[in-house]
């Protein structure tokens, strides 16, 4: 059975029951579409299941402390079942609880998985969803983690290792709802019929290779960034001779 949701053209991301497509995409908005406009997905886009993600985000952003703890426990028990925006939102709850290392882990785990979902998606404009998630949740985590470059390098390596061994047991097409193709299909329902579930992503036979390329590039980008930061650090003062 299909899932009825909405696409809101704006700068938010999966808030409440609305799936929000980014206004700042690689392509201009279609004629007649304005920021904040609510659109109803048509065709294959109407069958993308984000119900669990919407419910979890509602709890993680607006639930009571007891509800949030229950949501955290659900994700910890089976993280492979949750779409990346849930991992991002989980990191925010953990950071506010001063569980900084765990918050950083889930933030970067969500980021890596979102990048893979974008890379296997056939609509390149969906990559803006990853940028929006990073902007929404990333600032405090990044500031914390990169105070200690050794800790940062270890954590990112652990995230990549975790991702490599943890299945992807969720619908990756959540990210398609953040692309211009979904917006265009909502604006022109007749054109939506030209797209099928298979057309939304690269062939599944290529996913494992895409995932590994994403991991390798992700890890290398962090290692390069950390190396650059280390070179900019002032030299350590010489050790004082013992008396």
C-alpha atoms as a PDB file:
ATOM      1  CA  UNK A   1       0.000   0.000   0.000  1.00  0.00           C
ATOM      2  CA  UNK A   2       1.262   3.446  -0.863  1.00  0.00           C
ATOM      3  CA  UNK A   3       2.027   6.182   1.611  1.00  0.00           C
ATOM      4  CA  UNK A   4       0.455   9.606   1.249  1.00  0.00           C
ATOM      5  CA  UNK A   5       2.833  12.374   2.252  1.00  0.00           C
ATOM      6  CA  UNK A   6       3.612  15.883   1.131  1.00  0.00           C
ATOM      7  CA  UNK A   7       6.576  17.669  -0.349  1.00  0.00           C
ATOM      8  CA  UNK A   8       7.146  21.137   1.033  1.00  0.00           C
ATOM      9  CA  UNK A   9       9.459  23.225  -1.083  1.00  0.00           C
ATOM     10  CA  UNK A  10      11.655  25.046   1.392  1.00  0.00           C
ATOM     11  CA  UNK A  11      14.733  24.798   3.567  1.00  0.00           C
ATOM     12  CA  UNK A  12      13.449  22.360   6.207  1.00  0.00           C
ATOM     13  CA  UNK A  13      13.957  18.622   6.242  1.00  0.00           C
ATOM     14  CA  UNK A  14      11.466  15.917   7.221  1.00  0.00           C
ATOM     15  CA  UNK A  15       9.723  17.904   9.956  1.00  0.00           C
ATOM     16  CA  UNK A  16       6.621  16.278  11.421  1.00  0.00           C
ATOM     17  CA  UNK A  17       4.540  14.616   8.725  1.00  0.00           C
ATOM     18  CA  UNK A  18       5.926  16.638   5.850  1.00  0.00           C
ATOM     19  CA  UNK A  19       8.756  15.511   3.626  1.00  0.00           C
ATOM     20  CA  UNK A  20      10.541  18.669   2.643  1.00  0.00           C
ATOM     21  CA  UNK A  21      12.333  19.145  -0.653  1.00  0.00           C
ATOM     22  CA  UNK A  22      15.153  21.663  -0.738  1.00  0.00           C
ATOM     23  CA  UNK A  23      14.715  24.969  -2.529  1.00  0.00           C
ATOM     24  CA  UNK A  24      18.463  25.400  -2.996  1.00  0.00           C
ATOM     25  CA  UNK A  25      19.064  22.582  -5.461  1.00  0.00           C
ATOM     26  CA  UNK A  26      21.351  22.107  -8.421  1.00  0.00           C
ATOM     27  CA  UNK A  27      18.461  23.054 -10.682  1.00  0.00           C
ATOM     28  CA  UNK A  28      16.050  26.011 -10.463  1.00  0.00           C
ATOM     29  CA  UNK A  29      12.592  25.426  -9.068  1.00  0.00           C
ATOM     30  CA  UNK A  30      10.017  24.577 -11.737  1.00  0.00           C
ATOM     31  CA  UNK A  31       7.926  27.440 -13.032  1.00  0.00           C
ATOM     32  CA  UNK A  32       5.165  28.302 -10.602  1.00  0.00           C
ATOM     33  CA  UNK A  33       6.799  26.630  -7.591  1.00  0.00           C
ATOM     34  CA  UNK A  34       7.704  28.843  -4.647  1.00  0.00           C
ATOM     35  CA  UNK A  35       9.495  28.204  -1.378  1.00  0.00           C
ATOM     36  CA  UNK A  36       7.125  26.883   1.273  1.00  0.00           C
ATOM     37  CA  UNK A  37       4.636  25.491  -1.235  1.00  0.00           C
ATOM     38  CA  UNK A  38       3.150  22.118  -0.292  1.00  0.00           C
ATOM     39  CA  UNK A  39       3.022  19.528  -3.076  1.00  0.00           C
ATOM     40  CA  UNK A  40       1.544  16.028  -3.099  1.00  0.00           C
ATOM     41  CA  UNK A  41       3.777  13.317  -4.604  1.00  0.00           C
ATOM     42  CA  UNK A  42       2.429  11.401  -7.573  1.00  0.00           C
ATOM     43  CA  UNK A  43       3.253   8.127  -9.232  1.00  0.00           C
ATOM     44  CA  UNK A  44       6.122   6.145  -7.770  1.00  0.00           C
ATOM     45  CA  UNK A  45       6.960   8.950  -5.338  1.00  0.00           C
ATOM     46  CA  UNK A  46       3.641   8.453  -3.532  1.00  0.00           C
ATOM     47  CA  UNK A  47       4.738   4.929  -2.592  1.00  0.00           C
ATOM     48  CA  UNK A  48       7.997   5.857  -0.855  1.00  0.00           C
ATOM     49  CA  UNK A  49       7.601   4.823   2.766  1.00  0.00           C
ATOM     50  CA  UNK A  50       8.840   7.400   5.282  1.00  0.00           C
ATOM     51  CA  UNK A  51       6.231   6.772   7.986  1.00  0.00           C
ATOM     52  CA  UNK A  52       8.674   5.387  10.527  1.00  0.00           C
ATOM     53  CA  UNK A  53      11.111   8.235   9.897  1.00  0.00           C
ATOM     54  CA  UNK A  54       8.405  10.838  10.326  1.00  0.00           C
ATOM     55  CA  UNK A  55       7.228   9.241  13.566  1.00  0.00           C
ATOM     56  CA  UNK A  56      10.747   8.956  14.973  1.00  0.00           C
ATOM     57  CA  UNK A  57      11.639  12.537  14.074  1.00  0.00           C
ATOM     58  CA  UNK A  58       8.469  13.741  15.749  1.00  0.00           C
ATOM     59  CA  UNK A  59       9.476  11.965  18.961  1.00  0.00           C
ATOM     60  CA  UNK A  60      13.157  12.906  18.831  1.00  0.00           C
ATOM     61  CA  UNK A  61      12.447  16.576  18.229  1.00  0.00           C
ATOM     62  CA  UNK A  62       9.263  17.103  20.250  1.00  0.00           C
ATOM     63  CA  UNK A  63       8.723  14.074  22.498  1.00  0.00           C
ATOM     64  CA  UNK A  64       9.069  13.832  26.259  1.00  0.00           C
ATOM     65  CA  UNK A  65      12.315  12.639  27.810  1.00  0.00           C
ATOM     66  CA  UNK A  66      10.793   9.185  28.335  1.00  0.00           C
ATOM     67  CA  UNK A  67       9.622   9.002  24.716  1.00  0.00           C
ATOM     68  CA  UNK A  68      12.995  10.143  23.431  1.00  0.00           C
ATOM     69  CA  UNK A  69      14.803   7.541  25.527  1.00  0.00           C
ATOM     70  CA  UNK A  70      12.555   4.827  24.117  1.00  0.00           C
ATOM     71  CA  UNK A  71      13.305   6.051  20.588  1.00  0.00           C
ATOM     72  CA  UNK A  72      17.043   6.046  21.257  1.00  0.00           C
ATOM     73  CA  UNK A  73      16.821   2.474  22.548  1.00  0.00           C
ATOM     74  CA  UNK A  74      14.934   1.391  19.413  1.00  0.00           C
ATOM     75  CA  UNK A  75      17.617   2.784  17.133  1.00  0.00           C
ATOM     76  CA  UNK A  76      20.480   1.387  19.184  1.00  0.00           C
ATOM     77  CA  UNK A  77      18.878  -2.072  19.049  1.00  0.00           C
ATOM     78  CA  UNK A  78      18.423  -2.116  15.263  1.00  0.00           C
ATOM     79  CA  UNK A  79      20.104   0.869  13.564  1.00  0.00           C
ATOM     80  CA  UNK A  80      20.013  -0.863  10.180  1.00  0.00           C
ATOM     81  CA  UNK A  81      16.237  -0.340  10.032  1.00  0.00           C
ATOM     82  CA  UNK A  82      16.290   3.456  10.195  1.00  0.00           C
ATOM     83  CA  UNK A  83      16.710   5.988   7.416  1.00  0.00           C
ATOM     84  CA  UNK A  84      19.640   8.415   7.905  1.00  0.00           C
ATOM     85  CA  UNK A  85      17.611  11.448   9.064  1.00  0.00           C
ATOM     86  CA  UNK A  86      16.722   9.466  12.196  1.00  0.00           C
ATOM     87  CA  UNK A  87      20.420   8.967  12.986  1.00  0.00           C
ATOM     88  CA  UNK A  88      21.040  12.693  12.552  1.00  0.00           C
ATOM     89  CA  UNK A  89      18.178  13.595  14.900  1.00  0.00           C
ATOM     90  CA  UNK A  90      19.326  10.972  17.385  1.00  0.00           C
ATOM     91  CA  UNK A  91      22.733  12.649  17.508  1.00  0.00           C
ATOM     92  CA  UNK A  92      21.128  15.936  18.518  1.00  0.00           C
ATOM     93  CA  UNK A  93      19.272  14.342  21.426  1.00  0.00           C
ATOM     94  CA  UNK A  94      22.438  12.608  22.605  1.00  0.00           C
ATOM     95  CA  UNK A  95      24.493  15.777  22.327  1.00  0.00           C
ATOM     96  CA  UNK A  96      22.019  17.697  24.455  1.00  0.00           C
ATOM     97  CA  UNK A  97      22.302  14.884  27.003  1.00  0.00           C
ATOM     98  CA  UNK A  98      26.102  15.440  26.984  1.00  0.00           C
ATOM     99  CA  UNK A  99      26.746  12.000  25.505  1.00  0.00           C
ATOM    100  CA  UNK A 100      29.126  13.645  23.092  1.00  0.00           C
ATOM    101  CA  UNK A 101      31.032  10.671  21.716  1.00  0.00           C
ATOM    102  CA  UNK A 102      27.888   8.689  20.978  1.00  0.00           C
ATOM    103  CA  UNK A 103      26.266  11.768  19.465  1.00  0.00           C
ATOM    104  CA  UNK A 104      29.229  12.216  17.130  1.00  0.00           C
ATOM    105  CA  UNK A 105      29.166   8.560  16.127  1.00  0.00           C
ATOM    106  CA  UNK A 106      25.510   8.623  15.079  1.00  0.00           C
ATOM    107  CA  UNK A 107      25.841  11.972  13.338  1.00  0.00           C
ATOM    108  CA  UNK A 108      28.640  10.711  11.110  1.00  0.00           C
ATOM    109  CA  UNK A 109      26.967   7.331  10.644  1.00  0.00           C
ATOM    110  CA  UNK A 110      23.889   9.148   9.386  1.00  0.00           C
ATOM    111  CA  UNK A 111      26.018  11.359   7.172  1.00  0.00           C
ATOM    112  CA  UNK A 112      27.823   8.428   5.572  1.00  0.00           C
ATOM    113  CA  UNK A 113      24.595   6.532   4.936  1.00  0.00           C
ATOM    114  CA  UNK A 114      22.881   9.613   3.533  1.00  0.00           C
ATOM    115  CA  UNK A 115      25.797  10.113   1.141  1.00  0.00           C
ATOM    116  CA  UNK A 116      25.507   6.528  -0.044  1.00  0.00           C
ATOM    117  CA  UNK A 117      21.754   6.947  -0.592  1.00  0.00           C
ATOM    118  CA  UNK A 118      22.449  10.107  -2.599  1.00  0.00           C
ATOM    119  CA  UNK A 119      25.170   8.390  -4.608  1.00  0.00           C
ATOM    120  CA  UNK A 120      22.933   5.485  -5.604  1.00  0.00           C
ATOM    121  CA  UNK A 121      20.048   7.825  -6.457  1.00  0.00           C
ATOM    122  CA  UNK A 122      19.596   8.774 -10.114  1.00  0.00           C
ATOM    123  CA  UNK A 123      18.498  12.337  -9.266  1.00  0.00           C
ATOM    124  CA  UNK A 124      21.689  14.302  -8.522  1.00  0.00           C
ATOM    125  CA  UNK A 125      19.751  17.161  -6.941  1.00  0.00           C
ATOM    126  CA  UNK A 126      18.948  14.968  -3.929  1.00  0.00           C
ATOM    127  CA  UNK A 127      22.502  15.517  -2.686  1.00  0.00           C
ATOM    128  CA  UNK A 128      21.316  18.859  -1.372  1.00  0.00           C
ATOM    129  CA  UNK A 129      19.367  16.917   1.275  1.00  0.00           C
ATOM    130  CA  UNK A 130      22.663  15.735   2.762  1.00  0.00           C
ATOM    131  CA  UNK A 131      23.915  19.314   2.894  1.00  0.00           C
ATOM    132  CA  UNK A 132      20.724  20.420   4.630  1.00  0.00           C
ATOM    133  CA  UNK A 133      20.995  17.652   7.234  1.00  0.00           C
ATOM    134  CA  UNK A 134      24.626  18.579   7.876  1.00  0.00           C
ATOM    135  CA  UNK A 135      23.708  22.223   8.336  1.00  0.00           C
ATOM    136  CA  UNK A 136      20.828  21.373  10.648  1.00  0.00           C
ATOM    137  CA  UNK A 137      22.675  19.008  12.963  1.00  0.00           C
ATOM    138  CA  UNK A 138      26.395  19.288  12.333  1.00  0.00           C
ATOM    139  CA  UNK A 139      27.804  22.443  13.921  1.00  0.00           C
ATOM    140  CA  UNK A 140      28.009  21.393  17.604  1.00  0.00           C
ATOM    141  CA  UNK A 141      29.176  17.867  16.760  1.00  0.00           C
ATOM    142  CA  UNK A 142      31.916  19.104  14.454  1.00  0.00           C
ATOM    143  CA  UNK A 143      33.130  21.643  17.015  1.00  0.00           C
ATOM    144  CA  UNK A 144      33.297  18.965  19.675  1.00  0.00           C
ATOM    145  CA  UNK A 145      34.938  16.231  17.654  1.00  0.00           C
ATOM    146  CA  UNK A 146      37.689  18.277  16.054  1.00  0.00           C
ATOM    147  CA  UNK A 147      38.986  19.584  19.354  1.00  0.00           C
ATOM    148  CA  UNK A 148      40.841  16.268  19.512  1.00  0.00           C
ATOM    149  CA  UNK A 149      42.139  15.157  16.118  1.00  0.00           C
ATOM    150  CA  UNK A 150      43.202  11.700  17.299  1.00  0.00           C
ATOM    151  CA  UNK A 151      39.710  11.120  18.661  1.00  0.00           C
ATOM    152  CA  UNK A 152      38.224  12.372  15.408  1.00  0.00           C
ATOM    153  CA  UNK A 153      40.309  10.013  13.292  1.00  0.00           C
ATOM    154  CA  UNK A 154      39.459   7.022  15.478  1.00  0.00           C
ATOM    155  CA  UNK A 155      35.748   7.794  15.507  1.00  0.00           C
ATOM    156  CA  UNK A 156      35.460   8.231  11.736  1.00  0.00           C
ATOM    157  CA  UNK A 157      37.359   4.986  11.185  1.00  0.00           C
ATOM    158  CA  UNK A 158      34.936   3.261  13.542  1.00  0.00           C
ATOM    159  CA  UNK A 159      31.950   4.732  11.702  1.00  0.00           C
ATOM    160  CA  UNK A 160      33.221   3.424   8.369  1.00  0.00           C
ATOM    161  CA  UNK A 161      33.911  -0.020   9.848  1.00  0.00           C
ATOM    162  CA  UNK A 162      30.426  -0.069  11.399  1.00  0.00           C
ATOM    163  CA  UNK A 163      28.821   0.936   8.120  1.00  0.00           C
ATOM    164  CA  UNK A 164      30.692  -1.785   6.249  1.00  0.00           C
ATOM    165  CA  UNK A 165      29.320  -4.545   8.484  1.00  0.00           C
ATOM    166  CA  UNK A 166      25.829  -3.149   9.202  1.00  0.00           C
ATOM    167  CA  UNK A 167      23.040  -3.937   6.706  1.00  0.00           C
ATOM    168  CA  UNK A 168      20.887  -1.316   5.009  1.00  0.00           C
ATOM    169  CA  UNK A 169      17.423  -2.533   5.929  1.00  0.00           C
ATOM    170  CA  UNK A 170      15.402   0.562   5.036  1.00  0.00           C
ATOM    171  CA  UNK A 171      13.886   2.173   1.950  1.00  0.00           C
ATOM    172  CA  UNK A 172      16.699   4.240   0.377  1.00  0.00           C
ATOM    173  CA  UNK A 173      14.248   6.182  -1.758  1.00  0.00           C
ATOM    174  CA  UNK A 174      13.480   8.598   1.091  1.00  0.00           C
ATOM    175  CA  UNK A 175      16.115  10.813  -0.481  1.00  0.00           C
ATOM    176  CA  UNK A 176      14.289  10.925  -3.827  1.00  0.00           C
ATOM    177  CA  UNK A 177      11.585  13.016  -2.168  1.00  0.00           C
ATOM    178  CA  UNK A 178      14.190  15.754  -1.718  1.00  0.00           C
ATOM    179  CA  UNK A 179      15.052  16.049  -5.396  1.00  0.00           C
ATOM    180  CA  UNK A 180      13.726  18.188  -8.194  1.00  0.00           C
ATOM    181  CA  UNK A 181      12.407  15.184 -10.079  1.00  0.00           C
ATOM    182  CA  UNK A 182       9.925  14.538  -7.253  1.00  0.00           C
ATOM    183  CA  UNK A 183       8.935  18.200  -7.246  1.00  0.00           C
ATOM    184  CA  UNK A 184       8.467  18.201 -11.000  1.00  0.00           C
ATOM    185  CA  UNK A 185       6.381  15.017 -10.849  1.00  0.00           C
ATOM    186  CA  UNK A 186       4.177  16.599  -8.182  1.00  0.00           C
ATOM    187  CA  UNK A 187       3.694  19.659 -10.360  1.00  0.00           C
ATOM    188  CA  UNK A 188       2.986  17.581 -13.462  1.00  0.00           C
ATOM    189  CA  UNK A 189       1.267  14.318 -12.448  1.00  0.00           C
ATOM    190  CA  UNK A 190       1.208  13.052 -16.032  1.00  0.00           C
ATOM    191  CA  UNK A 191       4.991  13.100 -16.169  1.00  0.00           C
ATOM    192  CA  UNK A 192       5.168  11.081 -12.946  1.00  0.00           C
ATOM    193  CA  UNK A 193       3.982   8.030 -14.849  1.00  0.00           C
ATOM    194  CA  UNK A 194       7.242   7.952 -16.780  1.00  0.00           C
ATOM    195  CA  UNK A 195       9.180   7.002 -13.640  1.00  0.00           C
ATOM    196  CA  UNK A 196       9.297   3.593 -12.027  1.00  0.00           C
ATOM    197  CA  UNK A 197      10.759   2.353  -8.756  1.00  0.00           C
ATOM    198  CA  UNK A 198      13.690   0.937 -10.708  1.00  0.00           C
ATOM    199  CA  UNK A 199      14.390   4.314 -12.319  1.00  0.00           C
ATOM    200  CA  UNK A 200      14.867   6.067  -8.969  1.00  0.00           C
ATOM    201  CA  UNK A 201      18.212   4.408  -8.209  1.00  0.00           C
ATOM    202  CA  UNK A 202      21.195   2.867  -9.873  1.00  0.00           C
ATOM    203  CA  UNK A 203      20.798  -0.915 -10.441  1.00  0.00           C
ATOM    204  CA  UNK A 204      20.926  -2.828  -7.121  1.00  0.00           C
ATOM    205  CA  UNK A 205      23.745  -4.938  -8.546  1.00  0.00           C
ATOM    206  CA  UNK A 206      25.922  -1.815  -8.346  1.00  0.00           C
ATOM    207  CA  UNK A 207      25.015  -0.793  -4.804  1.00  0.00           C
ATOM    208  CA  UNK A 208      27.782  -2.698  -3.025  1.00  0.00           C
ATOM    209  CA  UNK A 209      30.437  -1.078  -5.208  1.00  0.00           C
ATOM    210  CA  UNK A 210      28.866   2.367  -4.805  1.00  0.00           C
ATOM    211  CA  UNK A 211      28.758   1.874  -1.027  1.00  0.00           C
ATOM    212  CA  UNK A 212      32.423   0.927  -0.858  1.00  0.00           C
ATOM    213  CA  UNK A 213      33.489   3.845  -3.071  1.00  0.00           C
ATOM    214  CA  UNK A 214      31.473   6.140  -0.821  1.00  0.00           C
ATOM    215  CA  UNK A 215      33.175   4.759   2.295  1.00  0.00           C
ATOM    216  CA  UNK A 216      36.674   5.026   0.842  1.00  0.00           C
ATOM    217  CA  UNK A 217      36.126   8.596  -0.342  1.00  0.00           C
ATOM    218  CA  UNK A 218      34.475   9.544   2.951  1.00  0.00           C
ATOM    219  CA  UNK A 219      37.323   8.206   5.065  1.00  0.00           C
ATOM    220  CA  UNK A 220      39.996   9.741   2.854  1.00  0.00           C
ATOM    221  CA  UNK A 221      38.343  13.159   2.942  1.00  0.00           C
ATOM    222  CA  UNK A 222      38.417  13.105   6.744  1.00  0.00           C
ATOM    223  CA  UNK A 223      41.977  11.835   6.883  1.00  0.00           C
ATOM    224  CA  UNK A 224      43.081  14.590   4.496  1.00  0.00           C
ATOM    225  CA  UNK A 225      41.244  17.204   6.553  1.00  0.00           C
ATOM    226  CA  UNK A 226      42.789  15.948   9.794  1.00  0.00           C
ATOM    227  CA  UNK A 227      46.257  15.921   8.255  1.00  0.00           C
ATOM    228  CA  UNK A 228      45.763  19.507   7.116  1.00  0.00           C
ATOM    229  CA  UNK A 229      44.678  20.543  10.601  1.00  0.00           C
ATOM    230  CA  UNK A 230      47.648  18.803  12.191  1.00  0.00           C
ATOM    231  CA  UNK A 231      50.041  20.721   9.939  1.00  0.00           C
ATOM    232  CA  UNK A 232      48.491  23.987  11.083  1.00  0.00           C
ATOM    233  CA  UNK A 233      48.892  23.228  14.790  1.00  0.00           C
ATOM    234  CA  UNK A 234      51.660  25.127  16.595  1.00  0.00           C
ATOM    235  CA  UNK A 235      54.632  22.963  17.531  1.00  0.00           C
ATOM    236  CA  UNK A 236      54.577  21.443  20.989  1.00  0.00           C
ATOM    237  CA  UNK A 237      56.917  23.112  23.503  1.00  0.00           C
ATOM    238  CA  UNK A 238      60.065  21.130  24.218  1.00  0.00           C
ATOM    239  CA  UNK A 239      59.941  18.851  27.205  1.00  0.00           C
ATOM    240  CA  UNK A 240      61.529  20.297  30.318  1.00  0.00           C
ATOM    241  CA  UNK A 241      64.603  18.380  31.486  1.00  0.00           C
ATOM    242  CA  UNK A 242      64.079  16.429  34.662  1.00  0.00           C
ATOM    243  CA  UNK A 243      65.959  17.665  37.677  1.00  0.00           C
END
